[in-house]
Amino acid sequence: MALQGPIPVAFQQVFPAGCYAVGEVEPVRDFDASTSGREVQARDKQTSEPVWQIAVMDADPTVKASQKTVAVKIVSAIRPVPPAAMSGLPFTPVEFDGMTVTPYVNQQGRLAYSIRAREMRTPRPATRHAATSREDAA
C-alpha cells in the first residue's frame, strides 16, 4: 500500500467550521523516556523537533459534545504562541497549517485520530471566491 504514516490533510477537512483554542500550549510528555522524577518532552520521529499540544474546540454545531474538544499536536523547535484573543469572543479562533492525521485504535477498541500540525496561526479571512461559491450553491 502506498499510503503509510501520517496522512496529509487540509485544515478545512478537519475543521470545516473552524476551531477555537480552549487551552494553553503544553509540551507533550514522552511516556517511555520520562520517569517519576524527570519529565522528558516528546520529539517528532522524523524531524527530532519537540512536540507541543493545545486543546481546541471544533466549531461545527453537528459534532457530538463528547467529541467537541480535541488535542492538536504541533511539531515546532520553539513553543508555539496562540493568536491574540479577539474582543467579544470567549475563545480564540485558530487555524493550523501542515496538518496530518494518523488513525489508530484507542484503548476502548475504537478508531481514533491523532492530529498534528506544523504551525498555528490567526484564521485567514474568508476569500471572496469561497463566499461566492457558497452563495451560488444556495
N, C-alpha and C. Protein backbone atom coordinates (compact mmCIF):
# COMPACT_ATOMS: atom_id res chain seq x y z
N MET A 1 0.85 -1.17 0.00
CA MET A 1 0.00 0.00 0.00
C MET A 1 0.89 1.23 0.00
N ALA A 2 0.59 2.18 -0.86
CA ALA A 2 1.40 3.39 -0.98
C ALA A 2 1.18 4.36 0.18
N LEU A 3 0.05 4.27 0.83
CA LEU A 3 -0.27 5.19 1.93
C LEU A 3 0.27 4.62 3.24
N GLN A 4 1.30 5.28 3.79
CA GLN A 4 1.90 4.85 5.04
C GLN A 4 2.18 6.08 5.91
N GLY A 5 2.06 5.92 7.21
CA GLY A 5 2.36 7.01 8.13
C GLY A 5 1.26 8.05 8.17
N PRO A 6 1.60 9.25 8.66
CA PRO A 6 0.60 10.32 8.77
C PRO A 6 0.01 10.69 7.40
N ILE A 7 -1.27 11.00 7.39
CA ILE A 7 -1.97 11.34 6.16
C ILE A 7 -2.12 12.86 6.08
N PRO A 8 -1.56 13.51 5.05
CA PRO A 8 -1.71 14.96 4.93
C PRO A 8 -3.17 15.35 4.70
N VAL A 9 -3.62 16.37 5.41
CA VAL A 9 -4.99 16.88 5.25
C VAL A 9 -4.97 18.40 5.32
N ALA A 10 -5.99 19.01 4.73
CA ALA A 10 -6.16 20.46 4.81
C ALA A 10 -6.94 20.80 6.08
N PHE A 11 -6.68 21.97 6.62
CA PHE A 11 -7.38 22.42 7.83
C PHE A 11 -8.90 22.31 7.65
N GLN A 12 -9.41 22.72 6.49
CA GLN A 12 -10.85 22.72 6.24
C GLN A 12 -11.44 21.32 6.23
N GLN A 13 -10.64 20.31 5.97
CA GLN A 13 -11.14 18.94 6.01
C GLN A 13 -11.36 18.47 7.45
N VAL A 14 -10.52 18.94 8.35
CA VAL A 14 -10.62 18.53 9.75
C VAL A 14 -11.61 19.40 10.52
N PHE A 15 -11.55 20.72 10.26
CA PHE A 15 -12.40 21.68 10.97
C PHE A 15 -13.12 22.57 9.96
N PRO A 16 -14.13 22.05 9.24
CA PRO A 16 -14.79 22.85 8.19
C PRO A 16 -15.47 24.11 8.73
N ALA A 17 -15.87 24.11 9.99
CA ALA A 17 -16.50 25.30 10.58
C ALA A 17 -15.50 26.10 11.41
N GLY A 18 -14.23 25.70 11.39
CA GLY A 18 -13.20 26.37 12.18
C GLY A 18 -13.05 25.74 13.54
N CYS A 19 -12.13 26.30 14.35
CA CYS A 19 -11.94 25.81 15.71
C CYS A 19 -11.40 26.93 16.59
N TYR A 20 -11.49 26.70 17.89
CA TYR A 20 -11.09 27.70 18.89
C TYR A 20 -10.13 27.08 19.88
N ALA A 21 -9.07 27.83 20.24
CA ALA A 21 -8.16 27.38 21.29
C ALA A 21 -8.88 27.49 22.62
N VAL A 22 -8.88 26.40 23.39
CA VAL A 22 -9.55 26.40 24.70
C VAL A 22 -8.58 25.98 25.80
N GLY A 23 -7.32 25.95 25.48
CA GLY A 23 -6.31 25.57 26.46
C GLY A 23 -5.00 26.28 26.15
N GLU A 24 -4.00 25.94 26.91
CA GLU A 24 -2.67 26.51 26.72
C GLU A 24 -1.81 25.54 25.91
N VAL A 25 -0.79 26.08 25.26
CA VAL A 25 0.19 25.23 24.58
C VAL A 25 1.05 24.58 25.65
N GLU A 26 1.13 23.25 25.60
CA GLU A 26 1.87 22.48 26.59
C GLU A 26 2.80 21.50 25.90
N PRO A 27 3.93 21.17 26.53
CA PRO A 27 4.78 20.13 25.95
C PRO A 27 4.09 18.77 26.05
N VAL A 28 4.29 17.94 25.04
CA VAL A 28 3.76 16.57 25.07
C VAL A 28 4.80 15.71 25.79
N ARG A 29 4.36 14.94 26.74
CA ARG A 29 5.26 14.10 27.53
C ARG A 29 5.62 12.83 26.77
N ASP A 30 6.89 12.50 26.78
CA ASP A 30 7.38 11.24 26.23
C ASP A 30 7.25 10.22 27.36
N PHE A 31 6.22 9.40 27.32
CA PHE A 31 5.94 8.47 28.41
C PHE A 31 7.00 7.39 28.56
N ASP A 32 7.65 7.02 27.46
CA ASP A 32 8.69 5.99 27.53
C ASP A 32 9.97 6.51 28.16
N ALA A 33 10.35 7.75 27.88
CA ALA A 33 11.61 8.31 28.37
C ALA A 33 11.47 9.00 29.73
N SER A 34 10.27 9.40 30.10
CA SER A 34 10.06 10.10 31.38
C SER A 34 10.06 9.12 32.54
N THR A 35 10.47 9.62 33.70
CA THR A 35 10.42 8.84 34.94
C THR A 35 9.62 9.65 35.96
N SER A 36 9.37 9.08 37.12
CA SER A 36 8.57 9.77 38.13
C SER A 36 9.22 11.08 38.58
N GLY A 37 10.54 11.18 38.51
CA GLY A 37 11.22 12.40 38.94
C GLY A 37 11.69 13.28 37.80
N ARG A 38 11.52 12.83 36.55
CA ARG A 38 12.06 13.59 35.42
C ARG A 38 11.15 13.46 34.20
N GLU A 39 10.59 14.61 33.78
CA GLU A 39 9.73 14.62 32.59
C GLU A 39 10.57 14.90 31.36
N VAL A 40 10.33 14.15 30.30
CA VAL A 40 11.01 14.34 29.03
C VAL A 40 9.96 14.68 27.99
N GLN A 41 10.24 15.73 27.22
CA GLN A 41 9.31 16.14 26.18
C GLN A 41 9.45 15.23 24.96
N ALA A 42 8.31 14.87 24.38
CA ALA A 42 8.30 14.04 23.18
C ALA A 42 8.93 14.80 22.01
N ARG A 43 9.54 14.04 21.13
CA ARG A 43 10.14 14.61 19.93
C ARG A 43 9.58 13.90 18.71
N ASP A 44 9.43 14.64 17.64
CA ASP A 44 8.92 14.09 16.39
C ASP A 44 9.92 13.07 15.84
N LYS A 45 9.43 11.91 15.41
CA LYS A 45 10.31 10.84 14.94
C LYS A 45 11.07 11.20 13.67
N GLN A 46 10.48 12.04 12.81
CA GLN A 46 11.15 12.38 11.56
C GLN A 46 12.07 13.59 11.66
N THR A 47 11.68 14.62 12.43
CA THR A 47 12.46 15.86 12.48
C THR A 47 13.26 16.01 13.77
N SER A 48 12.93 15.25 14.79
CA SER A 48 13.52 15.36 16.14
C SER A 48 13.17 16.66 16.84
N GLU A 49 12.24 17.43 16.30
CA GLU A 49 11.81 18.67 16.95
C GLU A 49 10.85 18.34 18.09
N PRO A 50 10.78 19.21 19.11
CA PRO A 50 9.85 18.98 20.21
C PRO A 50 8.39 18.98 19.73
N VAL A 51 7.55 18.24 20.47
CA VAL A 51 6.12 18.17 20.16
C VAL A 51 5.36 18.88 21.27
N TRP A 52 4.46 19.77 20.88
CA TRP A 52 3.61 20.55 21.78
C TRP A 52 2.17 20.17 21.51
N GLN A 53 1.26 20.53 22.38
CA GLN A 53 -0.16 20.30 22.09
C GLN A 53 -1.01 21.42 22.67
N ILE A 54 -2.16 21.61 22.04
CA ILE A 54 -3.13 22.58 22.51
C ILE A 54 -4.52 21.99 22.33
N ALA A 55 -5.38 22.20 23.31
CA ALA A 55 -6.77 21.75 23.21
C ALA A 55 -7.54 22.76 22.38
N VAL A 56 -8.30 22.26 21.42
CA VAL A 56 -9.15 23.11 20.59
C VAL A 56 -10.58 22.57 20.59
N MET A 57 -11.52 23.48 20.40
CA MET A 57 -12.93 23.10 20.32
C MET A 57 -13.38 23.26 18.87
N ASP A 58 -13.96 22.20 18.33
CA ASP A 58 -14.49 22.20 16.97
C ASP A 58 -15.72 23.09 16.93
N ALA A 59 -15.78 24.02 15.99
CA ALA A 59 -16.90 24.95 15.89
C ALA A 59 -18.10 24.37 15.14
N ASP A 60 -17.98 23.15 14.64
CA ASP A 60 -19.08 22.52 13.91
C ASP A 60 -20.21 22.17 14.88
N PRO A 61 -21.41 22.77 14.70
CA PRO A 61 -22.50 22.51 15.64
C PRO A 61 -23.05 21.08 15.56
N THR A 62 -22.69 20.32 14.53
CA THR A 62 -23.21 18.96 14.41
C THR A 62 -22.34 17.93 15.12
N VAL A 63 -21.17 18.34 15.59
CA VAL A 63 -20.27 17.41 16.29
C VAL A 63 -20.82 17.13 17.68
N LYS A 64 -20.79 15.86 18.08
CA LYS A 64 -21.27 15.46 19.41
C LYS A 64 -20.48 16.19 20.50
N ALA A 65 -21.13 16.50 21.60
CA ALA A 65 -20.49 17.22 22.71
C ALA A 65 -19.25 16.49 23.20
N SER A 66 -19.30 15.17 23.24
CA SER A 66 -18.16 14.40 23.74
C SER A 66 -16.96 14.43 22.80
N GLN A 67 -17.18 14.87 21.56
CA GLN A 67 -16.10 14.92 20.57
C GLN A 67 -15.72 16.35 20.20
N LYS A 68 -16.28 17.34 20.89
CA LYS A 68 -16.04 18.76 20.57
C LYS A 68 -14.61 19.19 20.80
N THR A 69 -13.99 18.74 21.89
CA THR A 69 -12.64 19.19 22.23
C THR A 69 -11.63 18.10 21.89
N VAL A 70 -10.61 18.49 21.12
CA VAL A 70 -9.54 17.57 20.73
C VAL A 70 -8.19 18.25 20.94
N ALA A 71 -7.16 17.45 21.05
CA ALA A 71 -5.80 17.98 21.16
C ALA A 71 -5.17 17.98 19.77
N VAL A 72 -4.55 19.09 19.43
CA VAL A 72 -3.77 19.18 18.19
C VAL A 72 -2.31 19.27 18.61
N LYS A 73 -1.51 18.36 18.11
CA LYS A 73 -0.08 18.36 18.41
C LYS A 73 0.63 19.19 17.35
N ILE A 74 1.58 20.00 17.82
CA ILE A 74 2.31 20.89 16.93
C ILE A 74 3.79 20.56 17.04
N VAL A 75 4.41 20.27 15.91
CA VAL A 75 5.84 19.99 15.86
C VAL A 75 6.55 21.31 15.59
N SER A 76 7.35 21.77 16.57
CA SER A 76 7.99 23.07 16.44
C SER A 76 9.22 23.14 17.34
N ALA A 77 10.29 23.76 16.86
CA ALA A 77 11.50 23.92 17.64
C ALA A 77 11.28 24.80 18.87
N ILE A 78 10.33 25.74 18.76
CA ILE A 78 10.01 26.62 19.89
C ILE A 78 8.53 26.50 20.23
N ARG A 79 8.18 26.88 21.48
CA ARG A 79 6.78 26.79 21.91
C ARG A 79 5.91 27.68 21.02
N PRO A 80 4.90 27.11 20.36
CA PRO A 80 4.00 27.91 19.54
C PRO A 80 3.21 28.91 20.40
N VAL A 81 2.94 30.06 19.83
CA VAL A 81 2.19 31.10 20.53
C VAL A 81 0.83 31.23 19.85
N PRO A 82 -0.28 31.06 20.60
CA PRO A 82 -1.60 31.22 20.00
C PRO A 82 -1.81 32.66 19.55
N PRO A 83 -2.70 32.88 18.60
CA PRO A 83 -3.02 34.25 18.19
C PRO A 83 -3.58 35.04 19.37
N ALA A 84 -3.57 36.35 19.25
CA ALA A 84 -4.12 37.21 20.29
C ALA A 84 -5.63 36.98 20.40
N ALA A 85 -6.14 37.09 21.62
CA ALA A 85 -7.58 36.93 21.86
C ALA A 85 -8.34 38.01 21.10
N MET A 86 -9.54 37.68 20.66
CA MET A 86 -10.38 38.64 19.94
C MET A 86 -11.43 39.20 20.88
N SER A 87 -11.59 40.48 20.84
CA SER A 87 -12.56 41.15 21.70
C SER A 87 -13.96 40.61 21.46
N GLY A 88 -14.67 40.32 22.55
CA GLY A 88 -16.05 39.86 22.45
C GLY A 88 -16.21 38.36 22.28
N LEU A 89 -15.11 37.64 22.14
CA LEU A 89 -15.19 36.18 21.99
C LEU A 89 -14.61 35.50 23.22
N PRO A 90 -15.29 34.46 23.73
CA PRO A 90 -14.77 33.77 24.91
C PRO A 90 -13.56 32.88 24.61
N PHE A 91 -13.38 32.48 23.35
CA PHE A 91 -12.27 31.63 22.95
C PHE A 91 -11.58 32.26 21.75
N THR A 92 -10.34 31.87 21.52
CA THR A 92 -9.54 32.42 20.43
C THR A 92 -9.62 31.54 19.19
N PRO A 93 -10.09 32.08 18.05
CA PRO A 93 -10.10 31.28 16.83
C PRO A 93 -8.67 31.03 16.36
N VAL A 94 -8.42 29.81 15.89
CA VAL A 94 -7.09 29.44 15.39
C VAL A 94 -7.23 28.60 14.13
N GLU A 95 -6.17 28.58 13.35
CA GLU A 95 -6.07 27.68 12.20
C GLU A 95 -4.70 27.03 12.26
N PHE A 96 -4.57 25.90 11.57
CA PHE A 96 -3.32 25.17 11.55
C PHE A 96 -2.89 24.91 10.11
N ASP A 97 -1.59 24.94 9.88
CA ASP A 97 -1.01 24.62 8.58
C ASP A 97 -0.16 23.37 8.71
N GLY A 98 0.04 22.69 7.58
CA GLY A 98 0.87 21.48 7.57
C GLY A 98 0.26 20.37 8.40
N MET A 99 -1.05 20.17 8.28
CA MET A 99 -1.75 19.19 9.12
C MET A 99 -1.65 17.77 8.56
N THR A 100 -1.61 16.83 9.51
CA THR A 100 -1.70 15.40 9.18
C THR A 100 -2.60 14.73 10.21
N VAL A 101 -3.18 13.62 9.83
CA VAL A 101 -3.91 12.78 10.78
C VAL A 101 -3.32 11.37 10.71
N THR A 102 -3.28 10.74 11.87
CA THR A 102 -2.82 9.36 11.95
C THR A 102 -3.91 8.56 12.64
N PRO A 103 -4.54 7.64 11.91
CA PRO A 103 -5.56 6.81 12.55
C PRO A 103 -4.92 5.77 13.47
N TYR A 104 -5.62 5.44 14.55
CA TYR A 104 -5.17 4.39 15.47
C TYR A 104 -6.38 3.83 16.20
N VAL A 105 -6.22 2.70 16.84
CA VAL A 105 -7.28 2.09 17.63
C VAL A 105 -7.01 2.46 19.09
N ASN A 106 -7.98 3.13 19.74
CA ASN A 106 -7.78 3.57 21.13
C ASN A 106 -7.97 2.42 22.11
N GLN A 107 -7.83 2.71 23.40
CA GLN A 107 -7.91 1.67 24.43
C GLN A 107 -9.29 1.03 24.51
N GLN A 108 -10.33 1.72 24.05
CA GLN A 108 -11.68 1.16 24.04
C GLN A 108 -11.95 0.34 22.78
N GLY A 109 -10.92 0.22 21.91
CA GLY A 109 -11.07 -0.56 20.68
C GLY A 109 -11.75 0.20 19.56
N ARG A 110 -11.84 1.52 19.68
CA ARG A 110 -12.49 2.35 18.66
C ARG A 110 -11.46 3.08 17.82
N LEU A 111 -11.83 3.38 16.59
CA LEU A 111 -10.97 4.14 15.70
C LEU A 111 -10.87 5.57 16.21
N ALA A 112 -9.65 6.09 16.29
CA ALA A 112 -9.43 7.47 16.72
C ALA A 112 -8.35 8.07 15.80
N TYR A 113 -8.14 9.37 15.93
CA TYR A 113 -7.17 10.05 15.07
C TYR A 113 -6.27 10.94 15.92
N SER A 114 -4.98 10.91 15.62
CA SER A 114 -4.03 11.84 16.20
C SER A 114 -3.85 12.94 15.17
N ILE A 115 -4.05 14.19 15.60
CA ILE A 115 -3.96 15.34 14.68
C ILE A 115 -2.68 16.10 14.98
N ARG A 116 -1.89 16.33 13.93
CA ARG A 116 -0.64 17.09 14.06
C ARG A 116 -0.65 18.25 13.07
N ALA A 117 0.16 19.25 13.41
CA ALA A 117 0.32 20.41 12.54
C ALA A 117 1.75 20.92 12.63
N ARG A 118 2.15 21.72 11.67
CA ARG A 118 3.47 22.35 11.69
C ARG A 118 3.38 23.79 12.21
N GLU A 119 2.20 24.40 12.12
CA GLU A 119 2.08 25.80 12.51
C GLU A 119 0.66 26.12 12.97
N MET A 120 0.56 27.02 13.95
CA MET A 120 -0.73 27.54 14.42
C MET A 120 -0.73 29.03 14.11
N ARG A 121 -1.86 29.55 13.63
CA ARG A 121 -1.93 30.96 13.26
C ARG A 121 -3.33 31.52 13.41
N THR A 122 -3.43 32.83 13.21
CA THR A 122 -4.72 33.51 13.18
C THR A 122 -5.46 33.06 11.92
N PRO A 123 -6.77 32.80 12.01
CA PRO A 123 -7.51 32.40 10.81
C PRO A 123 -7.46 33.47 9.72
N ARG A 124 -7.35 33.01 8.51
CA ARG A 124 -7.39 33.93 7.36
C ARG A 124 -8.84 34.33 7.12
N PRO A 125 -9.07 35.58 6.70
CA PRO A 125 -10.45 35.96 6.38
C PRO A 125 -10.94 35.14 5.19
N ALA A 126 -12.22 34.86 5.18
CA ALA A 126 -12.80 34.08 4.07
C ALA A 126 -12.57 34.84 2.77
N THR A 127 -12.19 34.11 1.75
CA THR A 127 -11.94 34.77 0.47
C THR A 127 -13.26 35.02 -0.25
N ARG A 128 -13.24 35.98 -1.13
CA ARG A 128 -14.44 36.31 -1.89
C ARG A 128 -14.89 35.11 -2.70
N HIS A 129 -13.93 34.36 -3.27
CA HIS A 129 -14.26 33.19 -4.07
C HIS A 129 -15.04 32.16 -3.25
N ALA A 130 -14.61 31.91 -2.03
CA ALA A 130 -15.30 30.94 -1.18
C ALA A 130 -16.70 31.43 -0.84
N ALA A 131 -16.86 32.72 -0.56
CA ALA A 131 -18.18 33.27 -0.24
C ALA A 131 -19.09 33.20 -1.45
N THR A 132 -18.55 33.51 -2.64
CA THR A 132 -19.35 33.46 -3.86
C THR A 132 -19.79 32.03 -4.15
N SER A 133 -18.90 31.06 -3.95
CA SER A 133 -19.24 29.66 -4.20
C SER A 133 -20.38 29.20 -3.29
N ARG A 134 -20.38 29.63 -2.05
CA ARG A 134 -21.44 29.23 -1.12
C ARG A 134 -22.76 29.87 -1.54
N GLU A 135 -22.72 31.12 -2.00
CA GLU A 135 -23.95 31.80 -2.41
C GLU A 135 -24.52 31.15 -3.66
N ASP A 136 -23.62 30.78 -4.60
CA ASP A 136 -24.08 30.11 -5.82
C ASP A 136 -24.71 28.78 -5.53
N ALA A 137 -24.22 28.06 -4.51
CA ALA A 137 -24.74 26.74 -4.18
C ALA A 137 -26.11 26.83 -3.51
N ALA A 138 -26.43 27.98 -2.91
CA ALA A 138 -27.71 28.12 -2.18
C ALA A 138 -28.88 28.29 -3.10
